Amino acid sequence: MFYEPSKGHGLPRDPFKALVSPRPIGWFTTLNDDGSVNIGPYSYFNALADDPPFIMFSAGAREGVPIKDSARNAVARGEFVHNLVTMDLAEAMNATSEEVAYGIDEAKIAGLEMAPCKLVKTPRIAAAVASFECRYHSTVEIPQNGDDGPNLVILGEVIGVHIRDSALKEGRFDPEAEKVIARLGYANYAVVGGTFRMLRPGIKDG
């Protein structure tokens, strides 16, 4: 089949997200105005560069919600924290995706314990095998159909990285062993597994 997104696809559900998969999950902690913790997962998330390391997440507007809390707080506070989602945290991550009023502490909803960061005031999720402390850099606006507002792409520089010591084997982090999960289309997720190595031409190790 062929379809133009602007004209519809004629399928029961939009296949776009299923076709762009797996997508890493950005699980962000930010601080609300009153200092309470906000937690939200985003599947429009990825690394942008590694020297220095930069990541991004995209937060689309919704009816009555012109800006998502994570994006709002990241800009207002100038910082945010990404927490790696593994299989043991899947249910907690899903619980934090619920749309709740601004100022509600999602850590309490999901039963998550927080831990302090080193360089930012925003806490990290204690049970996460890895977390990135990020300094907000800039926002890119991408048009969105309708009147709710644009998609906001939040860029941040990773200024600190936490990795659980037990997750490092011979100096390497193994996402398969730690059962990192990713977002697919519809209500489907994947666990990292069945990996293989393939070196680029001229590269002896990687």
N, C-alpha and C. Protein backbone atom coordinates (compact mmCIF):
# COMPACT_ATOMS: atom_id res chain seq x y z
N MET A 1 0.83 -1.19 0.00
CA MET A 1 0.00 0.00 0.00
C MET A 1 0.87 1.25 0.00
N PHE A 2 0.27 2.33 -0.34
CA PHE A 2 0.91 3.64 -0.24
C PHE A 2 -0.12 4.61 0.31
N TYR A 3 0.33 5.48 1.21
CA TYR A 3 -0.58 6.51 1.69
C TYR A 3 0.18 7.79 1.98
N GLU A 4 -0.53 8.89 1.92
CA GLU A 4 0.01 10.19 2.29
C GLU A 4 -0.52 10.52 3.68
N PRO A 5 0.37 10.69 4.67
CA PRO A 5 -0.09 10.93 6.04
C PRO A 5 -1.12 12.04 6.17
N SER A 6 -1.00 13.07 5.35
CA SER A 6 -1.93 14.19 5.46
C SER A 6 -3.34 13.83 4.99
N LYS A 7 -3.46 12.70 4.25
CA LYS A 7 -4.76 12.32 3.71
C LYS A 7 -5.34 11.07 4.38
N GLY A 8 -4.60 10.49 5.34
CA GLY A 8 -5.10 9.31 6.03
C GLY A 8 -4.58 8.03 5.43
N HIS A 9 -4.69 6.94 6.22
CA HIS A 9 -4.12 5.66 5.81
C HIS A 9 -5.17 4.57 5.60
N GLY A 10 -6.36 4.75 6.12
CA GLY A 10 -7.42 3.77 5.93
C GLY A 10 -7.27 2.50 6.75
N LEU A 11 -6.32 2.48 7.68
CA LEU A 11 -6.10 1.32 8.53
C LEU A 11 -6.74 1.55 9.90
N PRO A 12 -6.97 0.48 10.68
CA PRO A 12 -7.57 0.67 12.01
C PRO A 12 -6.74 1.56 12.93
N ARG A 13 -5.41 1.48 12.80
CA ARG A 13 -4.52 2.31 13.61
C ARG A 13 -3.39 2.84 12.72
N ASP A 14 -2.89 4.01 13.05
CA ASP A 14 -1.79 4.61 12.32
C ASP A 14 -0.54 3.73 12.47
N PRO A 15 0.05 3.26 11.34
CA PRO A 15 1.21 2.36 11.44
C PRO A 15 2.55 3.05 11.63
N PHE A 16 2.57 4.39 11.65
CA PHE A 16 3.85 5.11 11.65
C PHE A 16 4.77 4.67 12.77
N LYS A 17 4.27 4.63 14.02
CA LYS A 17 5.13 4.30 15.15
C LYS A 17 5.61 2.85 15.08
N ALA A 18 4.79 1.96 14.52
CA ALA A 18 5.22 0.57 14.39
C ALA A 18 6.32 0.43 13.35
N LEU A 19 6.30 1.31 12.36
CA LEU A 19 7.32 1.26 11.31
C LEU A 19 8.64 1.88 11.77
N VAL A 20 8.57 2.79 12.72
CA VAL A 20 9.79 3.39 13.29
C VAL A 20 9.98 2.76 14.66
N SER A 21 10.53 1.56 14.66
CA SER A 21 10.68 0.83 15.92
C SER A 21 11.82 -0.18 15.78
N PRO A 22 12.43 -0.56 16.90
CA PRO A 22 12.12 -0.12 18.26
C PRO A 22 12.63 1.30 18.52
N ARG A 23 11.97 1.99 19.42
CA ARG A 23 12.39 3.33 19.80
C ARG A 23 12.80 3.31 21.27
N PRO A 24 13.98 3.87 21.60
CA PRO A 24 14.38 3.92 23.01
C PRO A 24 13.41 4.78 23.81
N ILE A 25 13.28 4.47 25.06
CA ILE A 25 12.36 5.19 25.94
C ILE A 25 13.14 6.18 26.80
N GLY A 26 12.80 7.44 26.67
CA GLY A 26 13.36 8.45 27.56
C GLY A 26 12.45 8.57 28.77
N TRP A 27 12.97 8.27 29.94
CA TRP A 27 12.17 8.32 31.17
C TRP A 27 12.73 9.45 32.02
N PHE A 28 12.01 10.57 32.03
CA PHE A 28 12.58 11.80 32.57
C PHE A 28 12.04 12.19 33.93
N THR A 29 12.95 12.58 34.80
CA THR A 29 12.58 13.21 36.05
C THR A 29 12.90 14.69 35.92
N THR A 30 11.95 15.50 36.38
CA THR A 30 12.13 16.95 36.43
C THR A 30 11.52 17.44 37.74
N LEU A 31 11.74 18.69 38.06
CA LEU A 31 11.19 19.28 39.27
C LEU A 31 10.10 20.28 38.92
N ASN A 32 8.94 20.14 39.58
CA ASN A 32 7.86 21.09 39.42
C ASN A 32 8.19 22.39 40.14
N ASP A 33 7.36 23.39 39.95
CA ASP A 33 7.59 24.70 40.57
C ASP A 33 7.71 24.62 42.08
N ASP A 34 6.93 23.71 42.70
CA ASP A 34 6.94 23.61 44.15
C ASP A 34 8.00 22.64 44.68
N GLY A 35 8.83 22.12 43.78
CA GLY A 35 9.90 21.22 44.19
C GLY A 35 9.52 19.76 44.19
N SER A 36 8.25 19.43 43.90
CA SER A 36 7.84 18.04 43.82
C SER A 36 8.38 17.42 42.54
N VAL A 37 8.42 16.09 42.50
CA VAL A 37 9.03 15.38 41.38
C VAL A 37 8.00 15.05 40.31
N ASN A 38 8.36 15.31 39.08
CA ASN A 38 7.57 14.89 37.93
C ASN A 38 8.34 13.80 37.19
N ILE A 39 7.64 12.76 36.78
CA ILE A 39 8.27 11.68 36.01
C ILE A 39 7.41 11.38 34.80
N GLY A 40 8.02 11.27 33.64
CA GLY A 40 7.26 10.96 32.43
C GLY A 40 8.10 10.23 31.40
N PRO A 41 7.52 9.22 30.73
CA PRO A 41 8.22 8.49 29.67
C PRO A 41 7.91 9.08 28.28
N TYR A 42 8.91 9.08 27.42
CA TYR A 42 8.77 9.60 26.06
C TYR A 42 9.46 8.65 25.08
N SER A 43 8.73 8.23 24.05
CA SER A 43 9.33 7.32 23.07
C SER A 43 9.92 8.06 21.88
N TYR A 44 9.65 9.37 21.77
CA TYR A 44 10.37 10.17 20.80
C TYR A 44 11.58 10.73 21.53
N PHE A 45 12.63 9.90 21.57
CA PHE A 45 13.82 10.17 22.39
C PHE A 45 15.01 9.50 21.74
N ASN A 46 16.15 10.16 21.79
CA ASN A 46 17.35 9.51 21.27
C ASN A 46 18.59 10.34 21.58
N ALA A 47 19.75 9.73 21.31
CA ALA A 47 21.03 10.44 21.41
C ALA A 47 21.24 11.25 20.14
N LEU A 48 21.88 12.40 20.28
CA LEU A 48 22.15 13.27 19.14
C LEU A 48 23.63 13.37 18.81
N ALA A 49 24.47 13.27 19.83
CA ALA A 49 25.92 13.41 19.64
C ALA A 49 26.61 12.80 20.85
N ASP A 50 27.93 12.57 20.72
CA ASP A 50 28.63 11.97 21.85
C ASP A 50 29.85 12.76 22.31
N ASP A 51 30.18 13.87 21.67
CA ASP A 51 31.34 14.65 22.09
C ASP A 51 31.08 16.14 21.89
N PRO A 52 30.40 16.80 22.83
CA PRO A 52 29.88 16.24 24.08
C PRO A 52 28.59 15.47 23.85
N PRO A 53 28.22 14.60 24.79
CA PRO A 53 26.99 13.83 24.61
C PRO A 53 25.74 14.70 24.75
N PHE A 54 24.85 14.58 23.77
CA PHE A 54 23.58 15.29 23.77
C PHE A 54 22.45 14.31 23.55
N ILE A 55 21.32 14.55 24.19
CA ILE A 55 20.12 13.76 23.95
C ILE A 55 18.96 14.71 23.67
N MET A 56 17.86 14.14 23.17
CA MET A 56 16.68 14.93 22.89
C MET A 56 15.43 14.12 23.25
N PHE A 57 14.34 14.84 23.52
CA PHE A 57 13.03 14.20 23.56
C PHE A 57 12.01 15.18 23.01
N SER A 58 10.97 14.64 22.41
CA SER A 58 9.94 15.46 21.79
C SER A 58 8.64 15.30 22.57
N ALA A 59 8.06 16.43 22.96
CA ALA A 59 6.82 16.44 23.74
C ALA A 59 5.74 17.16 22.94
N GLY A 60 4.76 16.41 22.47
CA GLY A 60 3.69 16.99 21.69
C GLY A 60 2.59 17.57 22.56
N ALA A 61 1.97 18.62 22.08
CA ALA A 61 0.84 19.22 22.80
C ALA A 61 -0.37 18.31 22.70
N ARG A 62 -1.26 18.40 23.67
CA ARG A 62 -2.52 17.66 23.67
C ARG A 62 -3.64 18.63 23.96
N GLU A 63 -4.87 18.21 23.69
CA GLU A 63 -6.01 19.08 23.93
C GLU A 63 -6.04 19.54 25.38
N GLY A 64 -5.98 20.82 25.58
CA GLY A 64 -6.00 21.39 26.93
C GLY A 64 -4.65 21.38 27.61
N VAL A 65 -3.64 20.77 26.97
CA VAL A 65 -2.29 20.71 27.55
C VAL A 65 -1.31 21.21 26.50
N PRO A 66 -1.07 22.52 26.43
CA PRO A 66 -0.22 23.07 25.38
C PRO A 66 1.25 22.69 25.51
N ILE A 67 1.69 22.32 26.72
CA ILE A 67 3.07 21.91 26.92
C ILE A 67 3.12 20.84 28.01
N LYS A 68 3.81 19.74 27.71
CA LYS A 68 3.94 18.65 28.67
C LYS A 68 4.78 19.10 29.86
N ASP A 69 4.50 18.50 31.03
CA ASP A 69 5.19 18.91 32.26
C ASP A 69 6.71 18.74 32.16
N SER A 70 7.16 17.63 31.56
CA SER A 70 8.61 17.38 31.47
C SER A 70 9.30 18.49 30.69
N ALA A 71 8.70 18.88 29.57
CA ALA A 71 9.28 19.95 28.76
C ALA A 71 9.23 21.28 29.50
N ARG A 72 8.10 21.56 30.10
CA ARG A 72 7.93 22.82 30.85
C ARG A 72 8.98 22.93 31.95
N ASN A 73 9.14 21.87 32.72
CA ASN A 73 10.08 21.90 33.84
C ASN A 73 11.53 21.95 33.39
N ALA A 74 11.84 21.22 32.31
CA ALA A 74 13.22 21.20 31.82
C ALA A 74 13.66 22.61 31.42
N VAL A 75 12.76 23.32 30.75
CA VAL A 75 13.08 24.69 30.33
C VAL A 75 13.16 25.62 31.54
N ALA A 76 12.17 25.51 32.43
CA ALA A 76 12.11 26.42 33.59
C ALA A 76 13.28 26.21 34.54
N ARG A 77 13.66 24.95 34.76
CA ARG A 77 14.73 24.64 35.72
C ARG A 77 16.11 24.62 35.08
N GLY A 78 16.14 24.45 33.76
CA GLY A 78 17.42 24.39 33.07
C GLY A 78 18.12 23.06 33.23
N GLU A 79 17.37 22.02 33.58
CA GLU A 79 17.97 20.69 33.78
C GLU A 79 16.89 19.62 33.75
N PHE A 80 17.32 18.38 33.54
CA PHE A 80 16.43 17.22 33.62
C PHE A 80 17.30 15.98 33.71
N VAL A 81 16.69 14.85 34.05
CA VAL A 81 17.42 13.60 34.22
C VAL A 81 16.71 12.50 33.44
N HIS A 82 17.47 11.76 32.65
CA HIS A 82 16.94 10.58 31.95
C HIS A 82 17.32 9.33 32.73
N ASN A 83 16.36 8.42 32.90
CA ASN A 83 16.57 7.17 33.63
C ASN A 83 16.30 5.99 32.71
N LEU A 84 17.24 5.08 32.61
CA LEU A 84 17.12 3.95 31.69
C LEU A 84 16.02 3.00 32.16
N VAL A 85 15.16 2.59 31.21
CA VAL A 85 14.05 1.69 31.54
C VAL A 85 14.43 0.25 31.21
N THR A 86 14.40 -0.60 32.21
CA THR A 86 14.66 -2.02 32.05
C THR A 86 13.38 -2.80 32.37
N MET A 87 13.38 -4.09 32.07
CA MET A 87 12.17 -4.89 32.19
C MET A 87 11.58 -4.84 33.60
N ASP A 88 12.43 -4.81 34.62
CA ASP A 88 11.93 -4.80 35.99
C ASP A 88 11.23 -3.49 36.36
N LEU A 89 11.43 -2.45 35.54
CA LEU A 89 10.80 -1.16 35.80
C LEU A 89 9.69 -0.83 34.82
N ALA A 90 9.32 -1.79 33.97
CA ALA A 90 8.33 -1.53 32.93
C ALA A 90 6.99 -1.07 33.50
N GLU A 91 6.50 -1.75 34.52
CA GLU A 91 5.20 -1.39 35.09
C GLU A 91 5.24 -0.01 35.74
N ALA A 92 6.33 0.29 36.42
CA ALA A 92 6.46 1.60 37.05
C ALA A 92 6.54 2.69 35.99
N MET A 93 7.27 2.43 34.91
CA MET A 93 7.35 3.40 33.82
C MET A 93 5.97 3.65 33.24
N ASN A 94 5.21 2.58 33.03
CA ASN A 94 3.88 2.71 32.45
C ASN A 94 2.96 3.51 33.38
N ALA A 95 3.11 3.31 34.68
CA ALA A 95 2.29 4.03 35.65
C ALA A 95 2.55 5.54 35.58
N THR A 96 3.78 5.92 35.27
CA THR A 96 4.10 7.35 35.21
C THR A 96 3.65 8.00 33.91
N SER A 97 3.08 7.22 32.99
CA SER A 97 2.59 7.78 31.74
C SER A 97 1.17 8.34 31.89
N GLU A 98 0.55 8.10 33.03
CA GLU A 98 -0.82 8.57 33.25
C GLU A 98 -0.85 10.10 33.23
N GLU A 99 -1.87 10.65 32.57
CA GLU A 99 -2.06 12.10 32.54
C GLU A 99 -2.65 12.55 33.87
N VAL A 100 -1.87 13.28 34.64
CA VAL A 100 -2.34 13.79 35.94
C VAL A 100 -2.12 15.29 35.99
N ALA A 101 -2.74 15.94 36.95
CA ALA A 101 -2.62 17.39 37.08
C ALA A 101 -1.19 17.79 37.41
N TYR A 102 -0.81 18.99 36.96
CA TYR A 102 0.53 19.50 37.25
C TYR A 102 0.74 19.59 38.76
N GLY A 103 1.91 19.15 39.20
CA GLY A 103 2.23 19.19 40.62
C GLY A 103 2.03 17.86 41.32
N ILE A 104 1.38 16.90 40.64
CA ILE A 104 1.20 15.57 41.23
C ILE A 104 2.53 14.83 41.16
N ASP A 105 2.93 14.22 42.25
CA ASP A 105 4.21 13.51 42.33
C ASP A 105 4.06 12.10 41.77
N GLU A 106 4.53 11.87 40.53
CA GLU A 106 4.42 10.54 39.91
C GLU A 106 5.28 9.50 40.60
N ALA A 107 6.31 9.92 41.32
CA ALA A 107 7.14 8.96 42.04
C ALA A 107 6.30 8.23 43.09
N LYS A 108 5.41 8.95 43.73
CA LYS A 108 4.53 8.34 44.73
C LYS A 108 3.50 7.43 44.07
N ILE A 109 2.98 7.84 42.91
CA ILE A 109 2.00 7.02 42.20
C ILE A 109 2.61 5.68 41.81
N ALA A 110 3.84 5.71 41.34
CA ALA A 110 4.50 4.50 40.85
C ALA A 110 5.29 3.77 41.93
N GLY A 111 5.34 4.33 43.13
CA GLY A 111 6.08 3.70 44.21
C GLY A 111 7.58 3.67 43.97
N LEU A 112 8.11 4.74 43.40
CA LEU A 112 9.52 4.80 43.07
C LEU A 112 10.31 5.60 44.10
N GLU A 113 11.44 5.06 44.50
CA GLU A 113 12.34 5.77 45.41
C GLU A 113 13.29 6.62 44.58
N MET A 114 13.53 7.84 45.02
CA MET A 114 14.42 8.73 44.31
C MET A 114 15.79 8.78 44.99
N ALA A 115 16.80 9.13 44.22
CA ALA A 115 18.16 9.26 44.73
C ALA A 115 18.74 10.59 44.25
N PRO A 116 19.61 11.21 45.03
CA PRO A 116 20.16 12.51 44.62
C PRO A 116 21.13 12.36 43.45
N CYS A 117 21.22 13.43 42.68
CA CYS A 117 22.21 13.50 41.61
C CYS A 117 23.44 14.25 42.12
N LYS A 118 24.47 14.28 41.30
CA LYS A 118 25.73 14.92 41.70
C LYS A 118 25.82 16.38 41.25
N LEU A 119 25.33 16.67 40.03
CA LEU A 119 25.55 17.98 39.43
C LEU A 119 24.28 18.79 39.23
N VAL A 120 23.12 18.16 39.35
CA VAL A 120 21.85 18.87 39.20
C VAL A 120 20.99 18.63 40.43
N LYS A 121 20.02 19.51 40.64
CA LYS A 121 19.14 19.38 41.80
C LYS A 121 18.06 18.34 41.59
N THR A 122 17.72 18.07 40.34
CA THR A 122 16.69 17.07 40.02
C THR A 122 17.17 15.69 40.44
N PRO A 123 16.35 14.90 41.14
CA PRO A 123 16.77 13.56 41.54
C PRO A 123 16.63 12.55 40.41
N ARG A 124 17.28 11.42 40.56
CA ARG A 124 17.17 10.32 39.62
C ARG A 124 16.36 9.20 40.26
N ILE A 125 15.95 8.24 39.46
CA ILE A 125 15.22 7.08 39.96
C ILE A 125 16.23 6.08 40.51
N ALA A 126 16.15 5.78 41.78
CA ALA A 126 17.16 4.96 42.44
C ALA A 126 17.31 3.58 41.82
N ALA A 127 16.21 2.99 41.37
CA ALA A 127 16.25 1.63 40.85
C ALA A 127 16.75 1.54 39.41
N ALA A 128 16.90 2.67 38.74
CA ALA A 128 17.37 2.65 37.35
C ALA A 128 18.82 2.22 37.29
N VAL A 129 19.15 1.37 36.34
CA VAL A 129 20.51 0.87 36.22
C VAL A 129 21.46 1.95 35.71
N ALA A 130 20.90 2.96 35.05
CA ALA A 130 21.72 4.08 34.57
C ALA A 130 20.86 5.33 34.49
N SER A 131 21.48 6.48 34.71
CA SER A 131 20.78 7.76 34.62
C SER A 131 21.72 8.81 34.05
N PHE A 132 21.16 9.72 33.29
CA PHE A 132 21.91 10.84 32.72
C PHE A 132 21.48 12.14 33.38
N GLU A 133 22.41 12.85 33.95
CA GLU A 133 22.14 14.20 34.43
C GLU A 133 22.33 15.15 33.25
N CYS A 134 21.31 15.95 32.95
CA CYS A 134 21.35 16.77 31.75
C CYS A 134 21.15 18.26 32.04
N ARG A 135 21.89 19.07 31.33
CA ARG A 135 21.71 20.52 31.37
C ARG A 135 20.92 20.91 30.12
N TYR A 136 19.79 21.58 30.33
CA TYR A 136 18.97 22.02 29.21
C TYR A 136 19.76 22.92 28.29
N HIS A 137 19.62 22.68 26.98
CA HIS A 137 20.35 23.48 25.99
C HIS A 137 19.42 24.38 25.18
N SER A 138 18.40 23.80 24.56
CA SER A 138 17.54 24.61 23.69
C SER A 138 16.29 23.82 23.33
N THR A 139 15.36 24.52 22.69
CA THR A 139 14.11 23.91 22.25
C THR A 139 13.90 24.18 20.77
N VAL A 140 13.51 23.16 20.04
CA VAL A 140 13.16 23.29 18.63
C VAL A 140 11.66 23.04 18.50
N GLU A 141 10.95 23.94 17.86
CA GLU A 141 9.52 23.77 17.66
C GLU A 141 9.24 23.16 16.29
N ILE A 142 8.46 22.08 16.29
CA ILE A 142 8.03 21.43 15.05
C ILE A 142 6.52 21.59 14.94
N PRO A 143 6.02 22.05 13.81
CA PRO A 143 4.58 22.26 13.67
C PRO A 143 3.79 20.98 13.94
N GLN A 144 2.62 21.14 14.53
CA GLN A 144 1.71 20.02 14.78
C GLN A 144 0.34 20.40 14.23
N ASN A 145 -0.33 19.45 13.58
CA ASN A 145 -1.66 19.71 13.05
C ASN A 145 -2.62 20.06 14.19
N GLY A 146 -3.53 20.95 13.94
CA GLY A 146 -4.49 21.33 14.96
C GLY A 146 -4.06 22.60 15.66
N ASP A 147 -4.82 22.96 16.69
CA ASP A 147 -4.61 24.22 17.39
C ASP A 147 -4.01 24.05 18.78
N ASP A 148 -3.58 22.84 19.14
CA ASP A 148 -3.12 22.59 20.50
C ASP A 148 -1.74 23.19 20.77
N GLY A 149 -0.94 23.32 19.75
CA GLY A 149 0.40 23.86 19.93
C GLY A 149 1.42 23.00 19.21
N PRO A 150 2.68 23.43 19.17
CA PRO A 150 3.71 22.69 18.43
C PRO A 150 4.25 21.50 19.22
N ASN A 151 4.96 20.63 18.51
CA ASN A 151 5.78 19.62 19.16
C ASN A 151 7.06 20.33 19.61
N LEU A 152 7.42 20.13 20.86
CA LEU A 152 8.62 20.77 21.39
C LEU A 152 9.73 19.72 21.51
N VAL A 153 10.82 19.93 20.80
CA VAL A 153 11.97 19.04 20.88
C VAL A 153 12.96 19.67 21.86
N ILE A 154 13.15 19.00 22.97
CA ILE A 154 14.01 19.50 24.04
C ILE A 154 15.40 18.88 23.91
N LEU A 155 16.41 19.72 23.80
CA LEU A 155 17.79 19.26 23.69
C LEU A 155 18.52 19.51 25.01
N GLY A 156 19.31 18.53 25.41
CA GLY A 156 20.07 18.69 26.63
C GLY A 156 21.44 18.05 26.53
N GLU A 157 22.42 18.65 27.19
CA GLU A 157 23.76 18.09 27.24
C GLU A 157 23.87 17.18 28.46
N VAL A 158 24.38 15.99 28.25
CA VAL A 158 24.60 15.04 29.34
C VAL A 158 25.87 15.45 30.06
N ILE A 159 25.72 15.90 31.31
CA ILE A 159 26.89 16.38 32.05
C ILE A 159 27.32 15.41 33.16
N GLY A 160 26.51 14.36 33.39
CA GLY A 160 26.86 13.37 34.40
C GLY A 160 26.16 12.05 34.10
N VAL A 161 26.86 10.94 34.28
CA VAL A 161 26.30 9.62 33.97
C VAL A 161 26.45 8.70 35.18
N HIS A 162 25.35 8.11 35.61
CA HIS A 162 25.36 7.12 36.68
C HIS A 162 25.17 5.74 36.05
N ILE A 163 26.02 4.77 36.40
CA ILE A 163 25.86 3.39 35.95
C ILE A 163 26.07 2.49 37.16
N ARG A 164 25.14 1.59 37.39
CA ARG A 164 25.30 0.64 38.49
C ARG A 164 26.55 -0.20 38.23
N ASP A 165 27.41 -0.31 39.23
CA ASP A 165 28.69 -1.01 39.06
C ASP A 165 28.50 -2.45 38.56
N SER A 166 27.48 -3.14 39.05
CA SER A 166 27.25 -4.53 38.68
C SER A 166 26.84 -4.69 37.22
N ALA A 167 26.46 -3.58 36.57
CA ALA A 167 26.02 -3.64 35.17
C ALA A 167 27.19 -3.53 34.20
N LEU A 168 28.39 -3.31 34.71
CA LEU A 168 29.57 -3.21 33.86
C LEU A 168 30.34 -4.53 33.90
N LYS A 169 30.50 -5.14 32.76
CA LYS A 169 31.23 -6.40 32.63
C LYS A 169 32.45 -6.15 31.75
N GLU A 170 33.64 -6.29 32.34
CA GLU A 170 34.88 -6.02 31.62
C GLU A 170 34.86 -4.62 31.00
N GLY A 171 34.28 -3.68 31.75
CA GLY A 171 34.27 -2.31 31.31
C GLY A 171 33.21 -1.95 30.29
N ARG A 172 32.30 -2.88 29.98
CA ARG A 172 31.26 -2.62 28.98
C ARG A 172 29.88 -2.77 29.60
N PHE A 173 28.95 -1.96 29.11
CA PHE A 173 27.55 -2.08 29.52
C PHE A 173 26.82 -2.93 28.48
N ASP A 174 26.10 -3.95 28.95
CA ASP A 174 25.40 -4.88 28.06
C ASP A 174 23.89 -4.67 28.18
N PRO A 175 23.26 -3.99 27.23
CA PRO A 175 21.81 -3.75 27.31
C PRO A 175 20.99 -5.03 27.25
N GLU A 176 21.53 -6.08 26.64
CA GLU A 176 20.81 -7.35 26.59
C GLU A 176 20.77 -8.00 27.96
N ALA A 177 21.91 -8.00 28.65
CA ALA A 177 21.97 -8.61 29.98
C ALA A 177 21.11 -7.85 30.98
N GLU A 178 21.00 -6.54 30.81
CA GLU A 178 20.22 -5.72 31.74
C GLU A 178 18.75 -5.62 31.35
N LYS A 179 18.39 -6.24 30.20
CA LYS A 179 17.01 -6.29 29.73
C LYS A 179 16.40 -4.90 29.55
N VAL A 180 17.13 -4.07 28.81
CA VAL A 180 16.63 -2.75 28.44
C VAL A 180 15.42 -2.95 27.53
N ILE A 181 14.38 -2.15 27.73
CA ILE A 181 13.19 -2.28 26.89
C ILE A 181 13.06 -1.09 25.96
N ALA A 182 12.28 -1.28 24.89
CA ALA A 182 12.07 -0.24 23.88
C ALA A 182 10.60 -0.24 23.47
N ARG A 183 10.19 0.86 22.90
CA ARG A 183 8.80 1.04 22.49
C ARG A 183 8.65 0.62 21.04
N LEU A 184 7.58 -0.12 20.76
CA LEU A 184 7.22 -0.47 19.40
C LEU A 184 5.95 0.30 19.05
N GLY A 185 5.20 -0.19 18.09
CA GLY A 185 3.95 0.46 17.76
C GLY A 185 2.82 -0.02 18.64
N TYR A 186 1.71 0.71 18.59
CA TYR A 186 0.50 0.34 19.31
C TYR A 186 0.80 0.22 20.82
N ALA A 187 0.43 -0.89 21.46
CA ALA A 187 0.71 -1.05 22.89
C ALA A 187 1.85 -2.05 23.11
N ASN A 188 2.71 -2.20 22.13
CA ASN A 188 3.74 -3.22 22.17
C ASN A 188 5.11 -2.67 22.57
N TYR A 189 5.85 -3.50 23.29
CA TYR A 189 7.21 -3.18 23.72
C TYR A 189 8.13 -4.34 23.34
N ALA A 190 9.43 -4.10 23.39
CA ALA A 190 10.42 -5.14 23.12
C ALA A 190 11.49 -5.10 24.19
N VAL A 191 12.07 -6.27 24.45
CA VAL A 191 13.22 -6.37 25.33
C VAL A 191 14.44 -6.60 24.46
N VAL A 192 15.52 -5.90 24.73
CA VAL A 192 16.74 -6.07 23.94
C VAL A 192 17.21 -7.52 24.07
N GLY A 193 17.39 -8.17 22.93
CA GLY A 193 17.82 -9.57 22.93
C GLY A 193 18.15 -10.00 21.51
N GLY A 194 18.88 -11.11 21.40
CA GLY A 194 19.24 -11.59 20.08
C GLY A 194 20.20 -10.67 19.36
N THR A 195 21.09 -10.03 20.12
CA THR A 195 22.02 -9.08 19.51
C THR A 195 23.15 -9.81 18.78
N PHE A 196 23.79 -9.11 17.84
CA PHE A 196 24.95 -9.65 17.15
C PHE A 196 25.93 -8.53 16.89
N ARG A 197 27.19 -8.89 16.71
CA ARG A 197 28.24 -7.89 16.47
C ARG A 197 28.61 -7.86 14.99
N MET A 198 28.84 -6.68 14.47
CA MET A 198 29.28 -6.51 13.10
C MET A 198 30.10 -5.23 13.03
N LEU A 199 31.39 -5.37 12.82
CA LEU A 199 32.28 -4.23 12.80
C LEU A 199 32.23 -3.53 11.45
N ARG A 200 32.32 -2.21 11.48
CA ARG A 200 32.37 -1.44 10.24
C ARG A 200 33.71 -1.67 9.54
N PRO A 201 33.74 -1.51 8.24
CA PRO A 201 35.01 -1.70 7.52
C PRO A 201 36.11 -0.81 8.09
N GLY A 202 37.27 -1.40 8.34
CA GLY A 202 38.41 -0.67 8.84
C GLY A 202 38.43 -0.50 10.35
N ILE A 203 37.40 -1.00 11.06
CA ILE A 203 37.33 -0.91 12.52
C ILE A 203 37.68 -2.27 13.11
N LYS A 204 38.66 -2.32 14.01
CA LYS A 204 39.11 -3.58 14.57
C LYS A 204 38.38 -3.97 15.82
N ASP A 205 37.77 -2.99 16.53
CA ASP A 205 37.05 -3.29 17.76
C ASP A 205 35.97 -2.24 17.93
N GLY A 206 34.88 -2.62 18.62
CA GLY A 206 33.80 -1.68 18.81
C GLY A 206 32.81 -2.19 19.82
